[in-house]
PDB file of N, CA and C in Angstrom:
ATOM      1  N   MET A   1      -4.577  -4.672 -25.291  1.00  0.00           N
ATOM      2  CA  MET A   1      -3.659  -4.030 -24.383  1.00  0.00           C
ATOM      3  C   MET A   1      -4.439  -3.585 -23.148  1.00  0.00           C
ATOM      4  N   THR A   2      -3.949  -3.936 -21.989  1.00  0.00           N
ATOM      5  CA  THR A   2      -4.649  -3.584 -20.760  1.00  0.00           C
ATOM      6  C   THR A   2      -4.176  -2.233 -20.260  1.00  0.00           C
ATOM      7  N   LYS A   3      -5.087  -1.555 -19.618  1.00  0.00           N
ATOM      8  CA  LYS A   3      -4.771  -0.247 -19.070  1.00  0.00           C
ATOM      9  C   LYS A   3      -4.146  -0.410 -17.690  1.00  0.00           C
ATOM     10  N   ARG A   4      -3.189   0.420 -17.369  1.00  0.00           N
ATOM     11  CA  ARG A   4      -2.493   0.357 -16.089  1.00  0.00           C
ATOM     12  C   ARG A   4      -3.420   0.820 -14.971  1.00  0.00           C
ATOM     13  N   LYS A   5      -3.404   0.098 -13.858  1.00  0.00           N
ATOM     14  CA  LYS A   5      -4.232   0.462 -12.709  1.00  0.00           C
ATOM     15  C   LYS A   5      -3.565   1.578 -11.926  1.00  0.00           C
ATOM     16  N   ASN A   6      -4.365   2.541 -11.492  1.00  0.00           N
ATOM     17  CA  ASN A   6      -3.893   3.615 -10.624  1.00  0.00           C
ATOM     18  C   ASN A   6      -4.623   3.489  -9.293  1.00  0.00           C
ATOM     19  N   PRO A   7      -3.974   2.873  -8.308  1.00  0.00           N
ATOM     20  CA  PRO A   7      -4.649   2.703  -7.021  1.00  0.00           C
ATOM     21  C   PRO A   7      -4.913   4.037  -6.338  1.00  0.00           C
ATOM     22  N   SER A   8      -6.023   4.085  -5.632  1.00  0.00           N
ATOM     23  CA  SER A   8      -6.402   5.310  -4.935  1.00  0.00           C
ATOM     24  C   SER A   8      -5.506   5.529  -3.718  1.00  0.00           C
ATOM     25  N   PRO A   9      -5.388   6.772  -3.277  1.00  0.00           N
ATOM     26  CA  PRO A   9      -4.590   7.044  -2.073  1.00  0.00           C
ATOM     27  C   PRO A   9      -5.146   6.319  -0.840  1.00  0.00           C
ATOM     28  N   GLU A  10      -6.468   6.139  -0.796  1.00  0.00           N
ATOM     29  CA  GLU A  10      -7.067   5.433   0.338  1.00  0.00           C
ATOM     30  C   GLU A  10      -6.596   3.984   0.378  1.00  0.00           C
ATOM     31  N   LEU A  11      -6.541   3.327  -0.799  1.00  0.00           N
ATOM     32  CA  LEU A  11      -6.070   1.944  -0.857  1.00  0.00           C
ATOM     33  C   LEU A  11      -4.604   1.873  -0.468  1.00  0.00           C
ATOM     34  N   LYS A  12      -3.810   2.817  -0.959  1.00  0.00           N
ATOM     35  CA  LYS A  12      -2.387   2.834  -0.618  1.00  0.00           C
ATOM     36  C   LYS A  12      -2.185   2.977   0.884  1.00  0.00           C
ATOM     37  N   ALA A  13      -2.946   3.879   1.501  1.00  0.00           N
ATOM     38  CA  ALA A  13      -2.816   4.098   2.943  1.00  0.00           C
ATOM     39  C   ALA A  13      -3.244   2.853   3.716  1.00  0.00           C
ATOM     40  N   LYS A  14      -4.325   2.219   3.268  1.00  0.00           N
ATOM     41  CA  LYS A  14      -4.819   1.022   3.950  1.00  0.00           C
ATOM     42  C   LYS A  14      -3.797  -0.105   3.867  1.00  0.00           C
ATOM     43  N   VAL A  15      -3.243  -0.315   2.676  1.00  0.00           N
ATOM     44  CA  VAL A  15      -2.256  -1.381   2.490  1.00  0.00           C
ATOM     45  C   VAL A  15      -0.987  -1.069   3.279  1.00  0.00           C
ATOM     46  N   ALA A  16      -0.547   0.189   3.257  1.00  0.00           N
ATOM     47  CA  ALA A  16       0.664   0.563   3.998  1.00  0.00           C
ATOM     48  C   ALA A  16       0.468   0.360   5.494  1.00  0.00           C
ATOM     49  N   LEU A  17      -0.696   0.727   5.997  1.00  0.00           N
ATOM     50  CA  LEU A  17      -0.956   0.560   7.422  1.00  0.00           C
ATOM     51  C   LEU A  17      -0.970  -0.923   7.811  1.00  0.00           C
ATOM     52  N   GLU A  18      -1.598  -1.740   6.995  1.00  0.00           N
ATOM     53  CA  GLU A  18      -1.604  -3.182   7.275  1.00  0.00           C
ATOM     54  C   GLU A  18      -0.199  -3.765   7.176  1.00  0.00           C
ATOM     55  N   ALA A  19       0.610  -3.258   6.258  1.00  0.00           N
ATOM     56  CA  ALA A  19       1.988  -3.741   6.134  1.00  0.00           C
ATOM     57  C   ALA A  19       2.822  -3.320   7.340  1.00  0.00           C
ATOM     58  N   ILE A  20       2.563  -2.124   7.860  1.00  0.00           N
ATOM     59  CA  ILE A  20       3.288  -1.660   9.047  1.00  0.00           C
ATOM     60  C   ILE A  20       2.920  -2.509  10.261  1.00  0.00           C
ATOM     61  N   ARG A  21       1.654  -2.875  10.365  1.00  0.00           N
ATOM     62  CA  ARG A  21       1.211  -3.700  11.502  1.00  0.00           C
ATOM     63  C   ARG A  21       1.842  -5.082  11.488  1.00  0.00           C
ATOM     64  N   GLU A  22       2.169  -5.590  10.312  1.00  0.00           N
ATOM     65  CA  GLU A  22       2.796  -6.896  10.118  1.00  0.00           C
ATOM     66  C   GLU A  22       1.978  -8.036  10.708  1.00  0.00           C
ATOM     67  N   GLU A  23       0.661  -7.943  10.618  1.00  0.00           N
ATOM     68  CA  GLU A  23      -0.198  -9.037  11.066  1.00  0.00           C
ATOM     69  C   GLU A  23      -0.269 -10.134  10.012  1.00  0.00           C
ATOM     70  N   ARG A  24      -0.084  -9.738   8.752  1.00  0.00           N
ATOM     71  CA  ARG A  24      -0.077 -10.696   7.660  1.00  0.00           C
ATOM     72  C   ARG A  24       1.176 -10.495   6.820  1.00  0.00           C
ATOM     73  N   VAL A  25       1.521 -11.531   6.075  1.00  0.00           N
ATOM     74  CA  VAL A  25       2.670 -11.470   5.178  1.00  0.00           C
ATOM     75  C   VAL A  25       2.291 -10.607   3.969  1.00  0.00           C
ATOM     76  N   LEU A  26       3.267  -9.977   3.336  1.00  0.00           N
ATOM     77  CA  LEU A  26       3.004  -9.120   2.183  1.00  0.00           C
ATOM     78  C   LEU A  26       2.317  -9.877   1.048  1.00  0.00           C
ATOM     79  N   ALA A  27       2.622 -11.146   0.893  1.00  0.00           N
ATOM     80  CA  ALA A  27       1.979 -11.932  -0.164  1.00  0.00           C
ATOM     81  C   ALA A  27       0.475 -12.057   0.096  1.00  0.00           C
ATOM     82  N   GLU A  28       0.098 -12.317   1.333  1.00  0.00           N
ATOM     83  CA  GLU A  28      -1.328 -12.398   1.684  1.00  0.00           C
ATOM     84  C   GLU A  28      -2.000 -11.040   1.508  1.00  0.00           C
ATOM     85  N   LEU A  29      -1.314 -10.023   1.926  1.00  0.00           N
ATOM     86  CA  LEU A  29      -1.839  -8.668   1.818  1.00  0.00           C
ATOM     87  C   LEU A  29      -2.040  -8.263   0.361  1.00  0.00           C
ATOM     88  N   SER A  30      -1.113  -8.664  -0.493  1.00  0.00           N
ATOM     89  CA  SER A  30      -1.223  -8.306  -1.906  1.00  0.00           C
ATOM     90  C   SER A  30      -2.356  -9.066  -2.584  1.00  0.00           C
ATOM     91  N   LYS A  31      -2.630 -10.286  -2.156  1.00  0.00           N
ATOM     92  CA  LYS A  31      -3.747 -11.040  -2.736  1.00  0.00           C
ATOM     93  C   LYS A  31      -5.082 -10.386  -2.403  1.00  0.00           C
ATOM     94  N   THR A  32      -5.243  -9.937  -1.185  1.00  0.00           N
ATOM     95  CA  THR A  32      -6.518  -9.342  -0.790  1.00  0.00           C
ATOM     96  C   THR A  32      -6.701  -7.938  -1.359  1.00  0.00           C
ATOM     97  N   SER A  33      -5.606  -7.194  -1.513  1.00  0.00           N
ATOM     98  CA  SER A  33      -5.733  -5.811  -1.987  1.00  0.00           C
ATOM     99  C   SER A  33      -5.619  -5.700  -3.497  1.00  0.00           C
ATOM    100  N   GLY A  34      -5.017  -6.668  -4.142  1.00  0.00           N
ATOM    101  CA  GLY A  34      -4.832  -6.614  -5.583  1.00  0.00           C
ATOM    102  C   GLY A  34      -3.588  -5.852  -6.002  1.00  0.00           C
ATOM    103  N   ALA A  35      -2.754  -5.501  -5.067  1.00  0.00           N
ATOM    104  CA  ALA A  35      -1.517  -4.777  -5.358  1.00  0.00           C
ATOM    105  C   ALA A  35      -0.344  -5.752  -5.309  1.00  0.00           C
ATOM    106  N   HIS A  36       0.657  -5.490  -6.099  1.00  0.00           N
ATOM    107  CA  HIS A  36       1.846  -6.330  -6.123  1.00  0.00           C
ATOM    108  C   HIS A  36       2.604  -6.165  -4.802  1.00  0.00           C
ATOM    109  N   PRO A  37       3.247  -7.220  -4.310  1.00  0.00           N
ATOM    110  CA  PRO A  37       3.984  -7.104  -3.044  1.00  0.00           C
ATOM    111  C   PRO A  37       5.061  -6.017  -3.058  1.00  0.00           C
ATOM    112  N   ASN A  38       5.707  -5.807  -4.191  1.00  0.00           N
ATOM    113  CA  ASN A  38       6.721  -4.742  -4.274  1.00  0.00           C
ATOM    114  C   ASN A  38       6.078  -3.371  -4.094  1.00  0.00           C
ATOM    115  N   MET A  39       4.887  -3.195  -4.644  1.00  0.00           N
ATOM    116  CA  MET A  39       4.190  -1.921  -4.472  1.00  0.00           C
ATOM    117  C   MET A  39       3.818  -1.724  -3.010  1.00  0.00           C
ATOM    118  N   ALA A  40       3.327  -2.787  -2.371  1.00  0.00           N
ATOM    119  CA  ALA A  40       2.930  -2.698  -0.970  1.00  0.00           C
ATOM    120  C   ALA A  40       4.125  -2.339  -0.087  1.00  0.00           C
ATOM    121  N   SER A  41       5.271  -2.950  -0.354  1.00  0.00           N
ATOM    122  CA  SER A  41       6.444  -2.628   0.461  1.00  0.00           C
ATOM    123  C   SER A  41       6.928  -1.206   0.186  1.00  0.00           C
ATOM    124  N   GLY A  42       6.777  -0.731  -1.038  1.00  0.00           N
ATOM    125  CA  GLY A  42       7.143   0.656  -1.350  1.00  0.00           C
ATOM    126  C   GLY A  42       6.233   1.645  -0.639  1.00  0.00           C
ATOM    127  N   TRP A  43       4.933   1.347  -0.611  1.00  0.00           N
ATOM    128  CA  TRP A  43       3.982   2.216   0.091  1.00  0.00           C
ATOM    129  C   TRP A  43       4.276   2.224   1.585  1.00  0.00           C
ATOM    130  N   LYS A  44       4.656   1.067   2.123  1.00  0.00           N
ATOM    131  CA  LYS A  44       5.000   0.985   3.551  1.00  0.00           C
ATOM    132  C   LYS A  44       6.225   1.853   3.837  1.00  0.00           C
ATOM    133  N   ARG A  45       7.243   1.743   2.986  1.00  0.00           N
ATOM    134  CA  ARG A  45       8.463   2.522   3.158  1.00  0.00           C
ATOM    135  C   ARG A  45       8.162   4.022   3.091  1.00  0.00           C
ATOM    136  N   ALA A  46       7.316   4.420   2.132  1.00  0.00           N
ATOM    137  CA  ALA A  46       6.970   5.836   1.989  1.00  0.00           C
ATOM    138  C   ALA A  46       6.175   6.331   3.192  1.00  0.00           C
ATOM    139  N   ALA A  47       5.285   5.491   3.711  1.00  0.00           N
ATOM    140  CA  ALA A  47       4.483   5.887   4.869  1.00  0.00           C
ATOM    141  C   ALA A  47       5.366   6.080   6.098  1.00  0.00           C
ATOM    142  N   VAL A  48       6.285   5.175   6.308  1.00  0.00           N
ATOM    143  CA  VAL A  48       7.178   5.280   7.468  1.00  0.00           C
ATOM    144  C   VAL A  48       8.086   6.501   7.318  1.00  0.00           C
ATOM    145  N   LYS A  49       8.570   6.754   6.100  1.00  0.00           N
ATOM    146  CA  LYS A  49       9.474   7.885   5.867  1.00  0.00           C
ATOM    147  C   LYS A  49       8.767   9.214   6.087  1.00  0.00           C
ATOM    148  N   ASN A  50       7.506   9.321   5.685  1.00  0.00           N
ATOM    149  CA  ASN A  50       6.781  10.588   5.763  1.00  0.00           C
ATOM    150  C   ASN A  50       5.892  10.709   6.993  1.00  0.00           C
ATOM    151  N   MET A  51       5.993   9.786   7.914  1.00  0.00           N
ATOM    152  CA  MET A  51       5.127   9.807   9.082  1.00  0.00           C
ATOM    153  C   MET A  51       5.390  11.022   9.966  1.00  0.00           C
ATOM    154  N   ALA A  52       6.616  11.419  10.125  1.00  0.00           N
ATOM    155  CA  ALA A  52       6.939  12.573  10.974  1.00  0.00           C
ATOM    156  C   ALA A  52       6.376  13.857  10.373  1.00  0.00           C
ATOM    157  N   TRP A  53       6.333  13.952   9.052  1.00  0.00           N
ATOM    158  CA  TRP A  53       5.787  15.136   8.390  1.00  0.00           C
ATOM    159  C   TRP A  53       4.308  15.305   8.708  1.00  0.00           C
ATOM    160  N   ALA A  54       3.579  14.207   8.854  1.00  0.00           N
ATOM    161  CA  ALA A  54       2.148  14.284   9.136  1.00  0.00           C
ATOM    162  C   ALA A  54       1.880  14.915  10.498  1.00  0.00           C
ATOM    163  N   PHE A  55       2.822  14.807  11.415  1.00  0.00           N
ATOM    164  CA  PHE A  55       2.629  15.335  12.761  1.00  0.00           C
ATOM    165  C   PHE A  55       3.349  16.653  12.995  1.00  0.00           C
ATOM    166  N   SER A  56       3.997  17.185  11.979  1.00  0.00           N
ATOM    167  CA  SER A  56       4.707  18.445  12.176  1.00  0.00           C
ATOM    168  C   SER A  56       3.716  19.603  12.198  1.00  0.00           C
ATOM    169  N   LYS A  57       4.069  20.664  12.901  1.00  0.00           N
ATOM    170  CA  LYS A  57       3.185  21.824  13.034  1.00  0.00           C
ATOM    171  C   LYS A  57       3.294  22.752  11.839  1.00  0.00           C
ATOM    172  N   ARG A  58       4.305  22.582  11.039  1.00  0.00           N
ATOM    173  CA  ARG A  58       4.555  23.496   9.937  1.00  0.00           C
ATOM    174  C   ARG A  58       3.834  23.091   8.665  1.00  0.00           C
ATOM    175  N   THR A  59       3.011  22.074   8.667  1.00  0.00           N
ATOM    176  CA  THR A  59       2.369  21.608   7.436  1.00  0.00           C
ATOM    177  C   THR A  59       1.460  22.675   6.854  1.00  0.00           C
ATOM    178  N   GLY A  60       0.716  23.412   7.668  1.00  0.00           N
ATOM    179  CA  GLY A  60      -0.166  24.459   7.163  1.00  0.00           C
ATOM    180  C   GLY A  60       0.608  25.597   6.534  1.00  0.00           C
ATOM    181  N   ALA A  61       1.689  26.021   7.179  1.00  0.00           N
ATOM    182  CA  ALA A  61       2.502  27.110   6.651  1.00  0.00           C
ATOM    183  C   ALA A  61       3.205  26.683   5.369  1.00  0.00           C
ATOM    184  N   ALA A  62       3.651  25.436   5.320  1.00  0.00           N
ATOM    185  CA  ALA A  62       4.328  24.956   4.113  1.00  0.00           C
ATOM    186  C   ALA A  62       3.353  24.892   2.942  1.00  0.00           C
ATOM    187  N   ALA A  63       2.141  24.487   3.193  1.00  0.00           N
ATOM    188  CA  ALA A  63       1.155  24.411   2.123  1.00  0.00           C
ATOM    189  C   ALA A  63       0.831  25.799   1.588  1.00  0.00           C
ATOM    190  N   LYS A  64       0.752  26.805   2.470  1.00  0.00           N
ATOM    191  CA  LYS A  64       0.466  28.169   2.028  1.00  0.00           C
ATOM    192  C   LYS A  64       1.624  28.723   1.204  1.00  0.00           C
ATOM    193  N   SER A  65       2.865  28.470   1.649  1.00  0.00           N
ATOM    194  CA  SER A  65       4.008  28.998   0.901  1.00  0.00           C
ATOM    195  C   SER A  65       4.124  28.303  -0.446  1.00  0.00           C
ATOM    196  N   ASN A  66       3.796  27.013  -0.505  1.00  0.00           N
ATOM    197  CA  ASN A  66       3.824  26.312  -1.779  1.00  0.00           C
ATOM    198  C   ASN A  66       2.766  26.865  -2.709  1.00  0.00           C
ATOM    199  N   GLY A  67       1.612  27.215  -2.185  1.00  0.00           N
ATOM    200  CA  GLY A  67       0.550  27.781  -3.006  1.00  0.00           C
ATOM    201  C   GLY A  67       0.950  29.109  -3.615  1.00  0.00           C
ATOM    202  N   ALA A  68       1.614  29.943  -2.831  1.00  0.00           N
ATOM    203  CA  ALA A  68       2.077  31.231  -3.344  1.00  0.00           C
ATOM    204  C   ALA A  68       3.140  31.032  -4.417  1.00  0.00           C
ATOM    205  N   GLU A  69       4.034  30.100  -4.184  1.00  0.00           N
ATOM    206  CA  GLU A  69       5.085  29.837  -5.157  1.00  0.00           C
ATOM    207  C   GLU A  69       4.505  29.264  -6.450  1.00  0.00           C
ATOM    208  N   ILE A  70       3.522  28.418  -6.330  1.00  0.00           N
ATOM    209  CA  ILE A  70       2.876  27.842  -7.517  1.00  0.00           C
ATOM    210  C   ILE A  70       2.184  28.935  -8.319  1.00  0.00           C
ATOM    211  N   GLY A  71       1.517  29.855  -7.638  1.00  0.00           N
ATOM    212  CA  GLY A  71       0.872  30.970  -8.327  1.00  0.00           C
ATOM    213  C   GLY A  71       1.870  31.830  -9.083  1.00  0.00           C
ATOM    214  N   LYS A  72       3.018  32.071  -8.460  1.00  0.00           N
ATOM    215  CA  LYS A  72       4.061  32.868  -9.111  1.00  0.00           C
ATOM    216  C   LYS A  72       4.591  32.143 -10.348  1.00  0.00           C
ATOM    217  N   LEU A  73       4.775  30.834 -10.245  1.00  0.00           N
ATOM    218  CA  LEU A  73       5.267  30.065 -11.389  1.00  0.00           C
ATOM    219  C   LEU A  73       4.247  30.018 -12.518  1.00  0.00           C
ATOM    220  N   HIS A  74       2.958  29.920 -12.159  1.00  0.00           N
ATOM    221  CA  HIS A  74       1.923  29.923 -13.193  1.00  0.00           C
ATOM    222  C   HIS A  74       1.913  31.250 -13.942  1.00  0.00           C
ATOM    223  N   SER A  75       2.117  32.341 -13.235  1.00  0.00           N
ATOM    224  CA  SER A  75       2.148  33.637 -13.905  1.00  0.00           C
ATOM    225  C   SER A  75       3.361  33.746 -14.829  1.00  0.00           C
ATOM    226  N   LYS A  76       4.479  33.137 -14.426  1.00  0.00           N
ATOM    227  CA  LYS A  76       5.666  33.175 -15.276  1.00  0.00           C
ATOM    228  C   LYS A  76       5.486  32.315 -16.525  1.00  0.00           C
ATOM    229  N   THR A  77       4.749  31.207 -16.427  1.00  0.00           N
ATOM    230  CA  THR A  77       4.545  30.384 -17.618  1.00  0.00           C
ATOM    231  C   THR A  77       3.626  31.076 -18.598  1.00  0.00           C
ATOM    232  N   GLY A  78       2.735  31.928 -18.132  1.00  0.00           N
ATOM    233  CA  GLY A  78       1.861  32.663 -19.024  1.00  0.00           C
ATOM    234  C   GLY A  78       2.539  33.869 -19.644  1.00  0.00           C
ATOM    235  N   GLN A  79       3.599  34.346 -19.052  1.00  0.00           N
ATOM    236  CA  GLN A  79       4.282  35.550 -19.527  1.00  0.00           C
ATOM    237  C   GLN A  79       4.849  35.371 -20.935  1.00  0.00           C
ATOM    238  N   PRO A  80       5.572  34.290 -21.249  1.00  0.00           N
ATOM    239  CA  PRO A  80       6.094  34.154 -22.615  1.00  0.00           C
ATOM    240  C   PRO A  80       4.982  34.076 -23.659  1.00  0.00           C
ATOM    241  N   VAL A  81       3.847  33.492 -23.309  1.00  0.00           N
ATOM    242  CA  VAL A  81       2.734  33.410 -24.243  1.00  0.00           C
ATOM    243  C   VAL A  81       2.226  34.804 -24.558  1.00  0.00           C
ATOM    244  N   ALA A  82       2.092  35.645 -23.554  1.00  0.00           N
ATOM    245  CA  ALA A  82       1.634  37.017 -23.769  1.00  0.00           C
ATOM    246  C   ALA A  82       2.657  37.803 -24.584  1.00  0.00           C
ATOM    247  N   GLU A  83       3.939  37.594 -24.309  1.00  0.00           N
ATOM    248  CA  GLU A  83       4.973  38.297 -25.057  1.00  0.00           C
ATOM    249  C   GLU A  83       4.978  37.862 -26.515  1.00  0.00           C
ATOM    250  N   ARG A  84       4.796  36.580 -26.773  1.00  0.00           N
ATOM    251  CA  ARG A  84       4.749  36.097 -28.152  1.00  0.00           C
ATOM    252  C   ARG A  84       3.579  36.712 -28.896  1.00  0.00           C
ATOM    253  N   GLY A  85       2.418  36.796 -28.213  1.00  0.00           N
ATOM    254  CA  GLY A  85       1.249  37.395 -28.840  1.00  0.00           C
ATOM    255  C   GLY A  85       1.486  38.852 -29.169  1.00  0.00           C
ATOM    256  N   PHE A  86       2.136  39.574 -28.264  1.00  0.00           N
ATOM    257  CA  PHE A  86       2.435  40.988 -28.481  1.00  0.00           C
ATOM    258  C   PHE A  86       3.382  41.153 -29.659  1.00  0.00           C
ATOM    259  N   LEU A  87       4.426  40.342 -29.708  1.00  0.00           N
ATOM    260  CA  LEU A  87       5.412  40.443 -30.787  1.00  0.00           C
ATOM    261  C   LEU A  87       4.798  40.041 -32.133  1.00  0.00           C
ATOM    262  N   LYS A  88       3.916  39.043 -32.117  1.00  0.00           N
ATOM    263  CA  LYS A  88       3.268  38.618 -33.351  1.00  0.00           C
ATOM    264  C   LYS A  88       2.385  39.725 -33.895  1.00  0.00           C
ATOM    265  N   ARG A  89       1.620  40.380 -33.013  1.00  0.00           N
ATOM    266  CA  ARG A  89       0.756  41.480 -33.455  1.00  0.00           C
ATOM    267  C   ARG A  89       1.588  42.640 -33.984  1.00  0.00           C
ATOM    268  N   ALA A  90       2.722  42.927 -33.351  1.00  0.00           N
ATOM    269  CA  ALA A  90       3.604  44.001 -33.794  1.00  0.00           C
ATOM    270  C   ALA A  90       4.193  43.676 -35.154  1.00  0.00           C
ATOM    271  N   ARG A  91       4.534  42.419 -35.369  1.00  0.00           N
ATOM    272  CA  ARG A  91       5.122  42.011 -36.647  1.00  0.00           C
ATOM    273  C   ARG A  91       4.088  42.101 -37.769  1.00  0.00           C
ATOM    274  N   ASP A  92       2.834  41.742 -37.467  1.00  0.00           N
ATOM    275  CA  ASP A  92       1.778  41.758 -38.483  1.00  0.00           C
ATOM    276  C   ASP A  92       1.419  43.159 -38.927  1.00  0.00           C
ATOM    277  N   ARG A  93       1.677  44.145 -38.104  1.00  0.00           N
ATOM    278  CA  ARG A  93       1.347  45.531 -38.463  1.00  0.00           C
ATOM    279  C   ARG A  93       2.287  45.995 -39.482  1.00  0.00           C
TER     280      ARG A  93
END
């Protein structure tokens, strides 16, 4: 059984950029990169869709707010574990 390949983000960006340039056909591009043509076209579509986000000024603020929200969620996932431990110790007494 073969293991599934996980292409690096650098390879995805390189293939998407070459697909956007349209200097070569997707079949030629997939032979040189080792990625399936459907994957290459999907990466191209994702790159074009998210291109405006790369140039937005709010990317830094969005990343900070996401970090705070992630921290809050991590604390909530640990809360039930602490409560279970407390209740288990109370029950054992």
